Amino acid sequence: MAEKDINKLIEDAQRLDPSALMAGIENEKDPTKKAIYVAAYDYVIGQRQKKIIDQKEFVR
């Protein structure tokens, strides 16, 4: 059951807009909720960077 929930959470995170997450980070007062926004933002940005780096044309 937990794996199904985590997979759903990952799918939902991939659809999030990074600018909306950044706004959440900037405006959230609750430290726990803010940490969730930060984690989601880091995940979304990391996944997008990975797609770019994995492109054949990408030069390091």
N, C-alpha and C. Protein backbone atom coordinates (compact mmCIF):
# COMPACT_ATOMS: atom_id res chain seq x y z
N MET A 1 0.82 -1.20 0.00
CA MET A 1 0.00 0.00 0.00
C MET A 1 0.86 1.26 0.00
N ALA A 2 1.92 1.28 0.80
CA ALA A 2 2.77 2.47 0.87
C ALA A 2 3.47 2.73 -0.45
N GLU A 3 3.87 1.68 -1.15
CA GLU A 3 4.55 1.86 -2.44
C GLU A 3 3.60 2.49 -3.45
N LYS A 4 2.34 2.08 -3.43
CA LYS A 4 1.34 2.66 -4.32
C LYS A 4 1.17 4.15 -4.03
N ASP A 5 1.13 4.50 -2.75
CA ASP A 5 0.99 5.89 -2.36
C ASP A 5 2.20 6.72 -2.78
N ILE A 6 3.38 6.16 -2.64
CA ILE A 6 4.60 6.87 -3.02
C ILE A 6 4.65 7.06 -4.53
N ASN A 7 4.28 6.04 -5.28
CA ASN A 7 4.26 6.17 -6.74
C ASN A 7 3.27 7.25 -7.17
N LYS A 8 2.13 7.33 -6.52
CA LYS A 8 1.14 8.37 -6.82
C LYS A 8 1.70 9.74 -6.49
N LEU A 9 2.40 9.85 -5.38
CA LEU A 9 3.02 11.11 -4.97
C LEU A 9 4.06 11.56 -5.99
N ILE A 10 4.86 10.63 -6.48
CA ILE A 10 5.88 10.95 -7.50
C ILE A 10 5.21 11.42 -8.78
N GLU A 11 4.17 10.72 -9.21
CA GLU A 11 3.44 11.13 -10.42
C GLU A 11 2.87 12.53 -10.27
N ASP A 12 2.30 12.81 -9.11
CA ASP A 12 1.73 14.14 -8.87
C ASP A 12 2.81 15.21 -8.85
N ALA A 13 3.94 14.91 -8.26
CA ALA A 13 5.04 15.88 -8.18
C ALA A 13 5.57 16.22 -9.56
N GLN A 14 5.60 15.26 -10.46
CA GLN A 14 6.11 15.50 -11.82
C GLN A 14 5.23 16.47 -12.60
N ARG A 15 3.98 16.61 -12.20
CA ARG A 15 3.06 17.52 -12.89
C ARG A 15 3.05 18.93 -12.29
N LEU A 16 3.77 19.13 -11.21
CA LEU A 16 3.76 20.43 -10.55
C LEU A 16 4.59 21.46 -11.29
N ASP A 17 4.16 22.70 -11.24
CA ASP A 17 4.85 23.82 -11.86
C ASP A 17 5.92 24.34 -10.90
N PRO A 18 7.18 24.37 -11.32
CA PRO A 18 8.25 24.83 -10.42
C PRO A 18 8.02 26.25 -9.90
N SER A 19 7.44 27.12 -10.71
CA SER A 19 7.21 28.49 -10.23
C SER A 19 6.14 28.53 -9.13
N ALA A 20 5.16 27.65 -9.22
CA ALA A 20 4.15 27.57 -8.16
C ALA A 20 4.77 27.01 -6.87
N LEU A 21 5.67 26.05 -7.03
CA LEU A 21 6.35 25.51 -5.86
C LEU A 21 7.24 26.57 -5.20
N MET A 22 7.92 27.36 -6.02
CA MET A 22 8.77 28.42 -5.49
C MET A 22 7.92 29.44 -4.73
N ALA A 23 6.75 29.76 -5.25
CA ALA A 23 5.85 30.68 -4.56
C ALA A 23 5.44 30.09 -3.21
N GLY A 24 5.18 28.79 -3.19
CA GLY A 24 4.85 28.12 -1.93
C GLY A 24 5.98 28.20 -0.93
N ILE A 25 7.20 28.01 -1.41
CA ILE A 25 8.38 28.10 -0.54
C ILE A 25 8.49 29.50 0.05
N GLU A 26 8.29 30.50 -0.78
CA GLU A 26 8.44 31.89 -0.33
C GLU A 26 7.33 32.33 0.61
N ASN A 27 6.12 31.80 0.44
CA ASN A 27 4.98 32.30 1.20
C ASN A 27 4.56 31.44 2.38
N GLU A 28 5.02 30.22 2.45
CA GLU A 28 4.58 29.31 3.51
C GLU A 28 5.25 29.66 4.84
N LYS A 29 4.44 29.77 5.88
CA LYS A 29 4.96 30.09 7.22
C LYS A 29 5.23 28.83 8.04
N ASP A 30 4.46 27.78 7.80
CA ASP A 30 4.61 26.52 8.54
C ASP A 30 5.88 25.81 8.06
N PRO A 31 6.86 25.58 8.95
CA PRO A 31 8.13 24.95 8.53
C PRO A 31 7.96 23.55 7.93
N THR A 32 7.00 22.79 8.41
CA THR A 32 6.78 21.44 7.88
C THR A 32 6.27 21.51 6.44
N LYS A 33 5.30 22.36 6.19
CA LYS A 33 4.77 22.52 4.84
C LYS A 33 5.82 23.11 3.91
N LYS A 34 6.61 24.03 4.44
CA LYS A 34 7.67 24.64 3.64
C LYS A 34 8.69 23.58 3.21
N ALA A 35 9.02 22.67 4.10
CA ALA A 35 9.97 21.60 3.78
C ALA A 35 9.42 20.70 2.68
N ILE A 36 8.12 20.49 2.66
CA ILE A 36 7.50 19.68 1.61
C ILE A 36 7.59 20.40 0.27
N TYR A 37 7.33 21.71 0.28
CA TYR A 37 7.48 22.50 -0.95
C TYR A 37 8.92 22.42 -1.46
N VAL A 38 9.89 22.55 -0.57
CA VAL A 38 11.30 22.51 -0.96
C VAL A 38 11.65 21.15 -1.56
N ALA A 39 11.20 20.08 -0.91
CA ALA A 39 11.50 18.73 -1.41
C ALA A 39 10.87 18.51 -2.79
N ALA A 40 9.63 18.95 -2.97
CA ALA A 40 8.96 18.79 -4.26
C ALA A 40 9.67 19.61 -5.34
N TYR A 41 10.07 20.83 -4.99
CA TYR A 41 10.78 21.69 -5.94
C TYR A 41 12.11 21.06 -6.36
N ASP A 42 12.87 20.59 -5.39
CA ASP A 42 14.15 19.95 -5.69
C ASP A 42 13.96 18.73 -6.59
N TYR A 43 12.93 17.95 -6.32
CA TYR A 43 12.66 16.76 -7.13
C TYR A 43 12.31 17.15 -8.57
N VAL A 44 11.39 18.10 -8.73
CA VAL A 44 10.94 18.51 -10.06
C VAL A 44 12.10 19.08 -10.87
N ILE A 45 12.87 19.97 -10.26
CA ILE A 45 14.01 20.57 -10.97
C ILE A 45 15.05 19.50 -11.31
N GLY A 46 15.33 18.61 -10.39
CA GLY A 46 16.29 17.54 -10.62
C GLY A 46 15.89 16.64 -11.77
N GLN A 47 14.60 16.30 -11.86
CA GLN A 47 14.12 15.45 -12.95
C GLN A 47 14.24 16.16 -14.29
N ARG A 48 13.94 17.45 -14.32
CA ARG A 48 14.06 18.21 -15.56
C ARG A 48 15.52 18.33 -15.99
N GLN A 49 16.41 18.55 -15.04
CA GLN A 49 17.84 18.63 -15.36
C GLN A 49 18.35 17.30 -15.88
N LYS A 50 17.88 16.21 -15.29
CA LYS A 50 18.32 14.89 -15.72
C LYS A 50 17.94 14.64 -17.18
N LYS A 51 16.72 15.04 -17.57
CA LYS A 51 16.29 14.88 -18.96
C LYS A 51 17.19 15.66 -19.91
N ILE A 52 17.58 16.86 -19.51
CA ILE A 52 18.45 17.69 -20.35
C ILE A 52 19.84 17.08 -20.45
N ILE A 53 20.38 16.67 -19.33
CA ILE A 53 21.74 16.10 -19.30
C ILE A 53 21.79 14.79 -20.10
N ASP A 54 20.72 14.03 -20.08
CA ASP A 54 20.68 12.74 -20.79
C ASP A 54 20.57 12.89 -22.30
N GLN A 55 20.31 14.09 -22.79
CA GLN A 55 20.20 14.28 -24.23
C GLN A 55 21.56 14.07 -24.89
N LYS A 56 21.54 13.45 -26.04
CA LYS A 56 22.77 13.13 -26.77
C LYS A 56 23.57 14.38 -27.09
N GLU A 57 22.87 15.48 -27.39
CA GLU A 57 23.53 16.72 -27.79
C GLU A 57 24.13 17.51 -26.63
N PHE A 58 23.80 17.12 -25.41
CA PHE A 58 24.27 17.87 -24.25
C PHE A 58 25.79 17.74 -24.09
N VAL A 59 26.46 18.88 -23.92
CA VAL A 59 27.90 18.90 -23.75
C VAL A 59 28.20 19.42 -22.35
N ARG A 60 29.03 18.68 -21.65
CA ARG A 60 29.38 19.10 -20.28
C ARG A 60 30.57 20.00 -20.28
